[in-house]
Amino acid sequence: MLHAVSIAVVLQLSNLSGAPNAIVARAQAEVVRVYAAAGVTVQWAPTESPAQSTCDVRSIRVVLLPVEAGDLRRMRDTVVMGVAARTPRGNGTAYVYYRRVEEQAERHHAPLERVLACVMAHELGHLLGTHGHSATGVMRASWRNAEFRQASEGALQFSSRDAAIMQSR
């Protein structure tokens, strides 16, 4: 008898940005869709989940902050919408700067929840094995009008190379 095992990456969200719950919920659903298209199953832990207070290496935190801090604030030539970090124990956290995402969505006439989802997906991609940036797709370092247009259409995806890397992990 053959048994199939399905493993999902569990994501935990902390919305410290004041972003409206409806926007965040739509962005979370879009993150699930973007990862499913790449062949990777992600699921969001319930907000009230006790797992949020533990250091579970199998889950990744997504923290929505209102603005970037420190040196990132002083960068004038680069638009940074998020960063990914890993603790020495291997726990991953994706920080997303909501006001920066909001500004870029407005500037490029793109739906906020779609841009927010793609930024979350990008930062999570760093934590799920892609490590660097790609020439195209969600993992592109600096998004141009083309990426924002694709995000608007729900068509900004991971490259096949990035998808394969994440699937292998």
C-alpha atoms as a PDB file:
ATOM      1  CA  MET A   1       0.000   0.000   0.000  1.00  0.00           C
ATOM      2  CA  LEU A   2       1.343   3.424  -0.976  1.00  0.00           C
ATOM      3  CA  HIS A   3       0.825   6.332   1.405  1.00  0.00           C
ATOM      4  CA  ALA A   4       1.140   9.913   0.220  1.00  0.00           C
ATOM      5  CA  VAL A   5       2.502  12.497   2.601  1.00  0.00           C
ATOM      6  CA  SER A   6       1.596  16.106   2.100  1.00  0.00           C
ATOM      7  CA  ILE A   7       3.727  18.666   3.873  1.00  0.00           C
ATOM      8  CA  ALA A   8       2.664  22.281   4.070  1.00  0.00           C
ATOM      9  CA  VAL A   9       4.705  25.254   5.117  1.00  0.00           C
ATOM     10  CA  VAL A  10       2.866  26.921   7.988  1.00  0.00           C
ATOM     11  CA  LEU A  11       2.833  30.706   7.982  1.00  0.00           C
ATOM     12  CA  GLN A  12       2.047  32.869  10.987  1.00  0.00           C
ATOM     13  CA  LEU A  13       0.987  36.476  10.493  1.00  0.00           C
ATOM     14  CA  SER A  14       1.483  39.418  12.824  1.00  0.00           C
ATOM     15  CA  ASN A  15      -0.161  42.569  11.502  1.00  0.00           C
ATOM     16  CA  LEU A  16       1.535  45.411  13.366  1.00  0.00           C
ATOM     17  CA  SER A  17       1.004  47.829  10.486  1.00  0.00           C
ATOM     18  CA  GLY A  18      -2.635  48.716  10.924  1.00  0.00           C
ATOM     19  CA  ALA A  19      -3.399  47.285   7.483  1.00  0.00           C
ATOM     20  CA  PRO A  20      -7.131  46.583   7.095  1.00  0.00           C
ATOM     21  CA  ASN A  21      -8.050  42.973   7.869  1.00  0.00           C
ATOM     22  CA  ALA A  22      -9.912  42.585   4.567  1.00  0.00           C
ATOM     23  CA  ILE A  23      -6.825  43.604   2.534  1.00  0.00           C
ATOM     24  CA  VAL A  24      -4.604  41.287   4.572  1.00  0.00           C
ATOM     25  CA  ALA A  25      -7.018  38.346   4.223  1.00  0.00           C
ATOM     26  CA  ARG A  26      -7.159  38.761   0.436  1.00  0.00           C
ATOM     27  CA  ALA A  27      -3.350  39.016   0.314  1.00  0.00           C
ATOM     28  CA  GLN A  28      -3.028  35.829   2.378  1.00  0.00           C
ATOM     29  CA  ALA A  29      -5.308  33.962  -0.040  1.00  0.00           C
ATOM     30  CA  GLU A  30      -3.235  35.259  -2.961  1.00  0.00           C
ATOM     31  CA  VAL A  31       0.005  34.054  -1.307  1.00  0.00           C
ATOM     32  CA  VAL A  32      -1.494  30.553  -1.068  1.00  0.00           C
ATOM     33  CA  ARG A  33      -2.458  30.723  -4.765  1.00  0.00           C
ATOM     34  CA  VAL A  34       0.984  31.980  -5.904  1.00  0.00           C
ATOM     35  CA  TYR A  35       2.738  29.196  -4.000  1.00  0.00           C
ATOM     36  CA  ALA A  36       0.279  26.561  -5.250  1.00  0.00           C
ATOM     37  CA  ALA A  37       1.125  27.618  -8.821  1.00  0.00           C
ATOM     38  CA  ALA A  38       4.777  26.918  -7.932  1.00  0.00           C
ATOM     39  CA  GLY A  39       3.882  23.478  -6.569  1.00  0.00           C
ATOM     40  CA  VAL A  40       4.429  24.451  -2.930  1.00  0.00           C
ATOM     41  CA  THR A  41       1.700  24.127  -0.309  1.00  0.00           C
ATOM     42  CA  VAL A  42       1.517  26.915   2.248  1.00  0.00           C
ATOM     43  CA  GLN A  43      -1.152  27.475   4.847  1.00  0.00           C
ATOM     44  CA  TRP A  44      -1.790  30.241   7.315  1.00  0.00           C
ATOM     45  CA  ALA A  45      -2.023  29.371  11.005  1.00  0.00           C
ATOM     46  CA  PRO A  46      -5.068  30.842  12.705  1.00  0.00           C
ATOM     47  CA  THR A  47      -4.343  34.182  14.362  1.00  0.00           C
ATOM     48  CA  GLU A  48      -5.226  32.801  17.777  1.00  0.00           C
ATOM     49  CA  SER A  49      -3.000  29.735  17.267  1.00  0.00           C
ATOM     50  CA  PRO A  50      -0.856  28.892  20.316  1.00  0.00           C
ATOM     51  CA  ALA A  51       1.931  27.999  17.856  1.00  0.00           C
ATOM     52  CA  GLN A  52       2.480  31.729  17.342  1.00  0.00           C
ATOM     53  CA  SER A  53       4.048  32.037  20.756  1.00  0.00           C
ATOM     54  CA  THR A  54       6.508  29.196  20.242  1.00  0.00           C
ATOM     55  CA  CYS A  55       9.737  29.002  18.279  1.00  0.00           C
ATOM     56  CA  ASP A  56       8.641  26.295  15.862  1.00  0.00           C
ATOM     57  CA  VAL A  57      11.296  25.828  13.176  1.00  0.00           C
ATOM     58  CA  ARG A  58       8.685  24.407  10.783  1.00  0.00           C
ATOM     59  CA  SER A  59       6.721  27.629  10.658  1.00  0.00           C
ATOM     60  CA  ILE A  60       7.635  30.993   9.249  1.00  0.00           C
ATOM     61  CA  ARG A  61       6.479  34.329  10.581  1.00  0.00           C
ATOM     62  CA  VAL A  62       5.258  37.135   8.368  1.00  0.00           C
ATOM     63  CA  VAL A  63       5.327  40.472  10.171  1.00  0.00           C
ATOM     64  CA  LEU A  64       3.599  43.467   8.623  1.00  0.00           C
ATOM     65  CA  LEU A  65       5.234  46.641   9.898  1.00  0.00           C
ATOM     66  CA  PRO A  66       4.069  50.148   9.060  1.00  0.00           C
ATOM     67  CA  VAL A  67       7.489  51.382   7.875  1.00  0.00           C
ATOM     68  CA  GLU A  68      11.046  50.206   7.461  1.00  0.00           C
ATOM     69  CA  ALA A  69      13.581  50.971  10.174  1.00  0.00           C
ATOM     70  CA  GLY A  70      17.201  52.011  10.521  1.00  0.00           C
ATOM     71  CA  ASP A  71      19.399  52.222   7.442  1.00  0.00           C
ATOM     72  CA  LEU A  72      16.569  51.099   5.160  1.00  0.00           C
ATOM     73  CA  ARG A  73      14.750  54.353   5.912  1.00  0.00           C
ATOM     74  CA  ARG A  74      17.648  56.406   4.658  1.00  0.00           C
ATOM     75  CA  MET A  75      17.987  54.631   1.308  1.00  0.00           C
ATOM     76  CA  ARG A  76      16.838  57.051  -1.371  1.00  0.00           C
ATOM     77  CA  ASP A  77      17.713  55.175  -4.574  1.00  0.00           C
ATOM     78  CA  THR A  78      16.145  51.826  -3.699  1.00  0.00           C
ATOM     79  CA  VAL A  79      12.579  50.911  -2.836  1.00  0.00           C
ATOM     80  CA  VAL A  80      12.662  48.225  -0.172  1.00  0.00           C
ATOM     81  CA  MET A  81       9.245  46.721   0.535  1.00  0.00           C
ATOM     82  CA  GLY A  82      10.446  43.901   2.780  1.00  0.00           C
ATOM     83  CA  VAL A  83      13.308  41.815   4.124  1.00  0.00           C
ATOM     84  CA  ALA A  84      13.761  38.233   5.243  1.00  0.00           C
ATOM     85  CA  ALA A  85      15.817  37.129   8.224  1.00  0.00           C
ATOM     86  CA  ARG A  86      16.696  33.850   9.888  1.00  0.00           C
ATOM     87  CA  THR A  87      17.643  33.351  13.528  1.00  0.00           C
ATOM     88  CA  PRO A  88      20.646  31.224  14.508  1.00  0.00           C
ATOM     89  CA  ARG A  89      18.129  28.454  15.386  1.00  0.00           C
ATOM     90  CA  GLY A  90      16.808  28.529  11.826  1.00  0.00           C
ATOM     91  CA  ASN A  91      13.502  30.281  12.446  1.00  0.00           C
ATOM     92  CA  GLY A  92      12.521  32.517   9.560  1.00  0.00           C
ATOM     93  CA  THR A  93      10.743  35.852   9.607  1.00  0.00           C
ATOM     94  CA  ALA A  94       9.612  37.878   6.620  1.00  0.00           C
ATOM     95  CA  TYR A  95       9.171  41.571   7.398  1.00  0.00           C
ATOM     96  CA  VAL A  96       6.945  43.529   5.018  1.00  0.00           C
ATOM     97  CA  TYR A  97       6.728  47.328   5.130  1.00  0.00           C
ATOM     98  CA  TYR A  98       3.069  48.046   4.542  1.00  0.00           C
ATOM     99  CA  ARG A  99       3.259  51.800   3.831  1.00  0.00           C
ATOM    100  CA  ARG A 100       5.992  51.215   1.242  1.00  0.00           C
ATOM    101  CA  VAL A 101       3.877  48.501  -0.406  1.00  0.00           C
ATOM    102  CA  GLU A 102       0.872  50.819  -0.337  1.00  0.00           C
ATOM    103  CA  GLU A 103       2.868  53.634  -2.005  1.00  0.00           C
ATOM    104  CA  GLN A 104       4.144  51.351  -4.762  1.00  0.00           C
ATOM    105  CA  ALA A 105       0.720  49.817  -5.423  1.00  0.00           C
ATOM    106  CA  GLU A 106      -0.752  53.286  -5.791  1.00  0.00           C
ATOM    107  CA  ARG A 107       2.145  54.518  -7.945  1.00  0.00           C
ATOM    108  CA  HIS A 108       1.750  51.566 -10.326  1.00  0.00           C
ATOM    109  CA  HIS A 109      -2.082  51.503 -10.213  1.00  0.00           C
ATOM    110  CA  ALA A 110      -2.043  47.942  -8.904  1.00  0.00           C
ATOM    111  CA  PRO A 111      -4.450  46.345  -6.414  1.00  0.00           C
ATOM    112  CA  LEU A 112      -2.922  46.688  -2.958  1.00  0.00           C
ATOM    113  CA  GLU A 113      -3.745  43.127  -1.862  1.00  0.00           C
ATOM    114  CA  ARG A 114      -2.032  41.674  -4.942  1.00  0.00           C
ATOM    115  CA  VAL A 115       1.153  43.724  -4.469  1.00  0.00           C
ATOM    116  CA  LEU A 116       1.151  42.922  -0.750  1.00  0.00           C
ATOM    117  CA  ALA A 117       0.797  39.211  -1.553  1.00  0.00           C
ATOM    118  CA  CYS A 118       3.662  39.269  -4.045  1.00  0.00           C
ATOM    119  CA  VAL A 119       5.941  41.086  -1.593  1.00  0.00           C
ATOM    120  CA  MET A 120       5.098  38.512   1.090  1.00  0.00           C
ATOM    121  CA  ALA A 121       5.698  35.701  -1.425  1.00  0.00           C
ATOM    122  CA  HIS A 122       9.051  37.259  -2.416  1.00  0.00           C
ATOM    123  CA  GLU A 123      10.323  37.516   1.159  1.00  0.00           C
ATOM    124  CA  LEU A 124       9.047  34.034   2.004  1.00  0.00           C
ATOM    125  CA  GLY A 125      10.862  32.774  -1.110  1.00  0.00           C
ATOM    126  CA  HIS A 126      14.152  33.819   0.464  1.00  0.00           C
ATOM    127  CA  LEU A 127      13.290  31.707   3.515  1.00  0.00           C
ATOM    128  CA  LEU A 128      12.129  28.715   1.474  1.00  0.00           C
ATOM    129  CA  GLY A 129      15.383  28.162  -0.347  1.00  0.00           C
ATOM    130  CA  THR A 130      15.654  30.555  -3.286  1.00  0.00           C
ATOM    131  CA  HIS A 131      18.181  32.636  -1.288  1.00  0.00           C
ATOM    132  CA  GLY A 132      19.040  35.117  -4.034  1.00  0.00           C
ATOM    133  CA  HIS A 133      17.156  37.054  -6.642  1.00  0.00           C
ATOM    134  CA  SER A 134      16.085  36.042 -10.140  1.00  0.00           C
ATOM    135  CA  ALA A 135      16.080  37.904 -13.427  1.00  0.00           C
ATOM    136  CA  THR A 136      12.305  37.459 -13.717  1.00  0.00           C
ATOM    137  CA  GLY A 137       9.209  36.770 -11.664  1.00  0.00           C
ATOM    138  CA  VAL A 138       8.376  37.175  -7.997  1.00  0.00           C
ATOM    139  CA  MET A 139      12.037  36.861  -6.966  1.00  0.00           C
ATOM    140  CA  ARG A 140      13.253  39.738  -9.162  1.00  0.00           C
ATOM    141  CA  ALA A 141      15.206  42.166  -6.943  1.00  0.00           C
ATOM    142  CA  SER A 142      13.739  45.412  -8.276  1.00  0.00           C
ATOM    143  CA  TRP A 143      10.284  45.300  -9.751  1.00  0.00           C
ATOM    144  CA  ARG A 144       9.576  47.310 -12.860  1.00  0.00           C
ATOM    145  CA  ASN A 145       6.233  48.331 -14.349  1.00  0.00           C
ATOM    146  CA  ALA A 146       6.024  44.869 -15.931  1.00  0.00           C
ATOM    147  CA  GLU A 147       6.124  43.099 -12.556  1.00  0.00           C
ATOM    148  CA  PHE A 148       3.492  45.411 -11.081  1.00  0.00           C
ATOM    149  CA  ARG A 149       1.282  44.839 -14.136  1.00  0.00           C
ATOM    150  CA  GLN A 150       1.702  41.064 -13.750  1.00  0.00           C
ATOM    151  CA  ALA A 151       0.907  41.360 -10.035  1.00  0.00           C
ATOM    152  CA  SER A 152      -2.252  43.317 -10.937  1.00  0.00           C
ATOM    153  CA  GLU A 153      -3.343  40.499 -13.219  1.00  0.00           C
ATOM    154  CA  GLY A 154      -2.465  37.761 -10.722  1.00  0.00           C
ATOM    155  CA  ALA A 155       0.236  36.595 -13.128  1.00  0.00           C
ATOM    156  CA  LEU A 156       3.438  37.422 -11.217  1.00  0.00           C
ATOM    157  CA  GLN A 157       4.798  33.948 -10.484  1.00  0.00           C
ATOM    158  CA  PHE A 158       7.973  32.219  -9.392  1.00  0.00           C
ATOM    159  CA  SER A 159      10.349  31.266 -12.183  1.00  0.00           C
ATOM    160  CA  SER A 160      10.451  27.545 -12.942  1.00  0.00           C
ATOM    161  CA  ARG A 161      13.962  27.436 -11.432  1.00  0.00           C
ATOM    162  CA  ASP A 162      12.831  29.041  -8.172  1.00  0.00           C
ATOM    163  CA  ALA A 163       9.772  26.763  -8.016  1.00  0.00           C
ATOM    164  CA  ALA A 164      11.984  23.690  -8.481  1.00  0.00           C
ATOM    165  CA  ILE A 165      14.339  24.826  -5.700  1.00  0.00           C
ATOM    166  CA  MET A 166      11.460  25.350  -3.264  1.00  0.00           C
ATOM    167  CA  GLN A 167       9.826  22.036  -4.208  1.00  0.00           C
ATOM    168  CA  SER A 168      13.066  20.182  -3.534  1.00  0.00           C
ATOM    169  CA  ARG A 169      13.270  21.554   0.006  1.00  0.00           C
END
